[in-house]
Amino acid sequence: MYNENQHKLADVIGGILKEHNIAPNYYEAILKQNWEKWLGKTISSRTKQIKLYGNKLVVEVYSAPLRQELEYAKAQMLELLNKNLKHKFIKQIEVR
């Protein structure tokens, strides 16, 4: 039975993340932990750093050709990452 005092766990966690303004740190940790699994070993091995600034993901890579490839694939990457995060948190991707 469901009453008005019961809430879904996802809603409670989402509220806590929003209330304490820690969503970027939370999602950044998930991204870093799963980067290789979601984007593959090739991209992962050539990634210097990933950082979330609000809803903007900044990806620094070692390889100029990879940087160019990721520029072209931003839309697919954005969709893939948000799908795996199970939340449309990332709004923009910048590749450096």
N, C-alpha and C. Protein backbone atom coordinates (compact mmCIF):
# COMPACT_ATOMS: atom_id res chain seq x y z
N MET A 1 0.84 -1.17 0.00
CA MET A 1 0.00 0.00 0.00
C MET A 1 0.89 1.25 0.00
N TYR A 2 0.49 2.25 -0.74
CA TYR A 2 1.26 3.47 -0.90
C TYR A 2 0.48 4.64 -0.29
N ASN A 3 1.10 5.34 0.66
CA ASN A 3 0.41 6.50 1.22
C ASN A 3 1.19 7.77 0.91
N GLU A 4 0.66 8.92 1.29
CA GLU A 4 1.26 10.20 0.91
C GLU A 4 2.62 10.45 1.57
N ASN A 5 3.00 9.73 2.60
CA ASN A 5 4.28 9.91 3.26
C ASN A 5 5.39 9.05 2.65
N GLN A 6 5.03 8.19 1.73
CA GLN A 6 6.02 7.33 1.09
C GLN A 6 6.42 7.96 -0.24
N HIS A 7 7.72 7.89 -0.53
CA HIS A 7 8.25 8.46 -1.77
C HIS A 7 9.18 7.45 -2.42
N LYS A 8 9.33 7.57 -3.73
CA LYS A 8 10.27 6.72 -4.43
C LYS A 8 11.68 7.12 -4.04
N LEU A 9 12.56 6.14 -3.92
CA LEU A 9 13.94 6.41 -3.53
C LEU A 9 14.62 7.37 -4.51
N ALA A 10 14.38 7.19 -5.79
CA ALA A 10 14.98 8.08 -6.80
C ALA A 10 14.56 9.53 -6.59
N ASP A 11 13.31 9.75 -6.22
CA ASP A 11 12.83 11.10 -5.97
C ASP A 11 13.48 11.71 -4.73
N VAL A 12 13.66 10.89 -3.70
CA VAL A 12 14.30 11.35 -2.47
C VAL A 12 15.76 11.73 -2.74
N ILE A 13 16.48 10.85 -3.46
CA ILE A 13 17.89 11.13 -3.78
C ILE A 13 17.99 12.37 -4.65
N GLY A 14 17.13 12.48 -5.65
CA GLY A 14 17.12 13.67 -6.51
C GLY A 14 16.89 14.94 -5.72
N GLY A 15 15.99 14.89 -4.76
CA GLY A 15 15.72 16.05 -3.91
C GLY A 15 16.92 16.43 -3.07
N ILE A 16 17.60 15.45 -2.53
CA ILE A 16 18.79 15.71 -1.72
C ILE A 16 19.89 16.33 -2.57
N LEU A 17 20.11 15.77 -3.77
CA LEU A 17 21.14 16.31 -4.66
C LEU A 17 20.86 17.76 -5.02
N LYS A 18 19.60 18.05 -5.29
CA LYS A 18 19.22 19.41 -5.67
C LYS A 18 19.30 20.36 -4.48
N GLU A 19 18.79 19.92 -3.34
CA GLU A 19 18.74 20.77 -2.14
C GLU A 19 20.14 21.16 -1.67
N HIS A 20 21.08 20.23 -1.75
CA HIS A 20 22.43 20.50 -1.26
C HIS A 20 23.39 20.89 -2.38
N ASN A 21 22.87 21.07 -3.59
CA ASN A 21 23.64 21.49 -4.76
C ASN A 21 24.87 20.60 -4.99
N ILE A 22 24.69 19.29 -4.89
CA ILE A 22 25.81 18.36 -5.09
C ILE A 22 25.63 17.47 -6.31
N ALA A 23 24.62 17.75 -7.11
CA ALA A 23 24.37 16.93 -8.30
C ALA A 23 25.58 16.87 -9.23
N PRO A 24 26.25 18.00 -9.55
CA PRO A 24 27.42 17.91 -10.44
C PRO A 24 28.51 16.97 -9.90
N ASN A 25 28.78 17.04 -8.62
CA ASN A 25 29.80 16.17 -8.03
C ASN A 25 29.38 14.71 -8.09
N TYR A 26 28.11 14.45 -7.83
CA TYR A 26 27.57 13.09 -7.85
C TYR A 26 27.67 12.51 -9.26
N TYR A 27 27.19 13.26 -10.25
CA TYR A 27 27.21 12.76 -11.63
C TYR A 27 28.63 12.68 -12.18
N GLU A 28 29.50 13.58 -11.78
CA GLU A 28 30.90 13.52 -12.21
C GLU A 28 31.56 12.24 -11.70
N ALA A 29 31.30 11.89 -10.46
CA ALA A 29 31.85 10.65 -9.90
C ALA A 29 31.35 9.43 -10.67
N ILE A 30 30.08 9.42 -11.02
CA ILE A 30 29.53 8.30 -11.79
C ILE A 30 30.16 8.25 -13.17
N LEU A 31 30.33 9.41 -13.81
CA LEU A 31 30.97 9.46 -15.13
C LEU A 31 32.39 8.91 -15.09
N LYS A 32 33.16 9.37 -14.13
CA LYS A 32 34.55 8.92 -14.02
C LYS A 32 34.63 7.42 -13.77
N GLN A 33 33.75 6.91 -12.95
CA GLN A 33 33.76 5.50 -12.61
C GLN A 33 33.38 4.63 -13.82
N ASN A 34 32.53 5.12 -14.69
CA ASN A 34 32.01 4.32 -15.80
C ASN A 34 32.49 4.76 -17.18
N TRP A 35 33.40 5.71 -17.25
CA TRP A 35 33.84 6.29 -18.52
C TRP A 35 34.30 5.21 -19.51
N GLU A 36 35.18 4.32 -19.08
CA GLU A 36 35.69 3.27 -19.98
C GLU A 36 34.57 2.32 -20.40
N LYS A 37 33.72 1.95 -19.48
CA LYS A 37 32.64 1.01 -19.78
C LYS A 37 31.66 1.61 -20.80
N TRP A 38 31.36 2.89 -20.67
CA TRP A 38 30.37 3.52 -21.54
C TRP A 38 30.94 3.97 -22.87
N LEU A 39 32.21 4.44 -22.90
CA LEU A 39 32.77 4.99 -24.12
C LEU A 39 33.87 4.13 -24.75
N GLY A 40 34.28 3.11 -24.06
CA GLY A 40 35.26 2.20 -24.62
C GLY A 40 36.69 2.50 -24.18
N LYS A 41 37.52 1.49 -24.34
CA LYS A 41 38.91 1.57 -23.89
C LYS A 41 39.72 2.59 -24.69
N THR A 42 39.48 2.67 -26.00
CA THR A 42 40.24 3.59 -26.84
C THR A 42 40.06 5.03 -26.40
N ILE A 43 38.82 5.45 -26.24
CA ILE A 43 38.55 6.82 -25.81
C ILE A 43 39.04 7.04 -24.39
N SER A 44 38.77 6.07 -23.53
CA SER A 44 39.18 6.19 -22.13
C SER A 44 40.69 6.35 -21.98
N SER A 45 41.45 5.57 -22.75
CA SER A 45 42.91 5.63 -22.63
C SER A 45 43.49 6.94 -23.16
N ARG A 46 42.72 7.67 -23.95
CA ARG A 46 43.19 8.94 -24.51
C ARG A 46 42.53 10.16 -23.87
N THR A 47 41.82 9.91 -22.77
CA THR A 47 41.16 10.99 -22.05
C THR A 47 42.05 11.45 -20.90
N LYS A 48 42.36 12.74 -20.87
CA LYS A 48 43.14 13.31 -19.77
C LYS A 48 42.27 13.52 -18.54
N GLN A 49 41.13 14.17 -18.78
CA GLN A 49 40.29 14.55 -17.64
C GLN A 49 38.85 14.74 -18.11
N ILE A 50 37.92 14.43 -17.22
CA ILE A 50 36.51 14.79 -17.43
C ILE A 50 36.07 15.56 -16.20
N LYS A 51 35.33 16.64 -16.45
CA LYS A 51 34.92 17.52 -15.35
C LYS A 51 33.55 18.09 -15.67
N LEU A 52 32.68 18.11 -14.69
CA LEU A 52 31.37 18.73 -14.84
C LEU A 52 31.38 20.11 -14.20
N TYR A 53 30.94 21.09 -14.96
CA TYR A 53 30.76 22.45 -14.47
C TYR A 53 29.27 22.75 -14.62
N GLY A 54 28.53 22.55 -13.56
CA GLY A 54 27.08 22.65 -13.66
C GLY A 54 26.58 21.52 -14.55
N ASN A 55 25.91 21.88 -15.64
CA ASN A 55 25.39 20.89 -16.58
C ASN A 55 26.27 20.75 -17.82
N LYS A 56 27.46 21.32 -17.78
CA LYS A 56 28.39 21.27 -18.91
C LYS A 56 29.52 20.29 -18.61
N LEU A 57 29.69 19.31 -19.49
CA LEU A 57 30.76 18.33 -19.36
C LEU A 57 31.94 18.78 -20.20
N VAL A 58 33.10 18.89 -19.58
CA VAL A 58 34.33 19.24 -20.29
C VAL A 58 35.21 17.99 -20.33
N VAL A 59 35.57 17.59 -21.55
CA VAL A 59 36.39 16.40 -21.77
C VAL A 59 37.70 16.84 -22.38
N GLU A 60 38.80 16.55 -21.70
CA GLU A 60 40.13 16.85 -22.24
C GLU A 60 40.76 15.55 -22.72
N VAL A 61 41.26 15.57 -23.97
CA VAL A 61 41.86 14.37 -24.56
C VAL A 61 43.28 14.67 -25.00
N TYR A 62 44.08 13.59 -25.13
CA TYR A 62 45.47 13.69 -25.55
C TYR A 62 45.62 13.80 -27.06
N SER A 63 44.65 13.34 -27.81
CA SER A 63 44.79 13.16 -29.24
C SER A 63 43.94 14.16 -30.02
N ALA A 64 44.59 14.91 -30.94
CA ALA A 64 43.86 15.85 -31.79
C ALA A 64 42.85 15.15 -32.70
N PRO A 65 43.23 14.02 -33.33
CA PRO A 65 42.22 13.31 -34.15
C PRO A 65 41.01 12.85 -33.31
N LEU A 66 41.25 12.39 -32.09
CA LEU A 66 40.15 11.97 -31.23
C LEU A 66 39.29 13.18 -30.86
N ARG A 67 39.92 14.29 -30.59
CA ARG A 67 39.19 15.52 -30.26
C ARG A 67 38.23 15.86 -31.41
N GLN A 68 38.73 15.76 -32.64
CA GLN A 68 37.90 16.04 -33.81
C GLN A 68 36.74 15.05 -33.93
N GLU A 69 37.02 13.77 -33.72
CA GLU A 69 35.98 12.74 -33.77
C GLU A 69 34.90 13.00 -32.72
N LEU A 70 35.32 13.36 -31.51
CA LEU A 70 34.36 13.61 -30.44
C LEU A 70 33.54 14.87 -30.71
N GLU A 71 34.13 15.85 -31.37
CA GLU A 71 33.39 17.06 -31.75
C GLU A 71 32.21 16.68 -32.65
N TYR A 72 32.48 15.79 -33.60
CA TYR A 72 31.42 15.36 -34.52
C TYR A 72 30.38 14.47 -33.83
N ALA A 73 30.78 13.80 -32.78
CA ALA A 73 29.90 12.83 -32.12
C ALA A 73 29.28 13.38 -30.82
N LYS A 74 29.31 14.67 -30.62
CA LYS A 74 28.79 15.26 -29.37
C LYS A 74 27.34 14.87 -29.09
N ALA A 75 26.50 14.93 -30.10
CA ALA A 75 25.07 14.64 -29.89
C ALA A 75 24.87 13.20 -29.43
N GLN A 76 25.57 12.26 -30.09
CA GLN A 76 25.44 10.85 -29.71
C GLN A 76 26.03 10.62 -28.31
N MET A 77 27.14 11.27 -28.03
CA MET A 77 27.78 11.13 -26.73
C MET A 77 26.87 11.68 -25.62
N LEU A 78 26.26 12.82 -25.88
CA LEU A 78 25.35 13.44 -24.92
C LEU A 78 24.18 12.50 -24.63
N GLU A 79 23.61 11.93 -25.67
CA GLU A 79 22.49 11.01 -25.50
C GLU A 79 22.91 9.75 -24.74
N LEU A 80 24.06 9.19 -25.10
CA LEU A 80 24.56 7.97 -24.44
C LEU A 80 24.82 8.21 -22.95
N LEU A 81 25.50 9.30 -22.62
CA LEU A 81 25.85 9.57 -21.23
C LEU A 81 24.60 9.83 -20.39
N ASN A 82 23.69 10.65 -20.89
CA ASN A 82 22.46 10.92 -20.14
C ASN A 82 21.62 9.66 -19.97
N LYS A 83 21.60 8.82 -20.99
CA LYS A 83 20.86 7.56 -20.90
C LYS A 83 21.44 6.68 -19.79
N ASN A 84 22.78 6.59 -19.75
CA ASN A 84 23.43 5.77 -18.74
C ASN A 84 23.34 6.39 -17.35
N LEU A 85 23.29 7.71 -17.26
CA LEU A 85 23.11 8.37 -15.97
C LEU A 85 21.66 8.25 -15.48
N LYS A 86 20.77 7.85 -16.41
CA LYS A 86 19.34 7.72 -16.12
C LYS A 86 18.72 9.06 -15.71
N HIS A 87 19.30 10.12 -16.26
CA HIS A 87 18.83 11.47 -15.98
C HIS A 87 19.41 12.39 -17.03
N LYS A 88 18.63 13.31 -17.55
CA LYS A 88 19.14 14.25 -18.56
C LYS A 88 19.83 15.42 -17.85
N PHE A 89 20.96 15.10 -17.23
CA PHE A 89 21.68 16.11 -16.46
C PHE A 89 22.62 16.93 -17.33
N ILE A 90 23.35 16.27 -18.22
CA ILE A 90 24.33 16.96 -19.06
C ILE A 90 23.59 17.66 -20.19
N LYS A 91 23.81 18.95 -20.32
CA LYS A 91 23.16 19.74 -21.36
C LYS A 91 24.12 20.11 -22.49
N GLN A 92 25.42 20.12 -22.19
CA GLN A 92 26.41 20.57 -23.17
C GLN A 92 27.71 19.81 -22.95
N ILE A 93 28.43 19.56 -24.05
CA ILE A 93 29.73 18.91 -23.97
C ILE A 93 30.75 19.78 -24.69
N GLU A 94 31.88 20.00 -24.04
CA GLU A 94 33.00 20.74 -24.64
C GLU A 94 34.19 19.78 -24.67
N VAL A 95 34.81 19.66 -25.83
CA VAL A 95 35.96 18.77 -25.98
C VAL A 95 37.19 19.65 -26.17
N ARG A 96 38.19 19.41 -25.35
CA ARG A 96 39.45 20.19 -25.42
C ARG A 96 40.60 19.27 -25.72
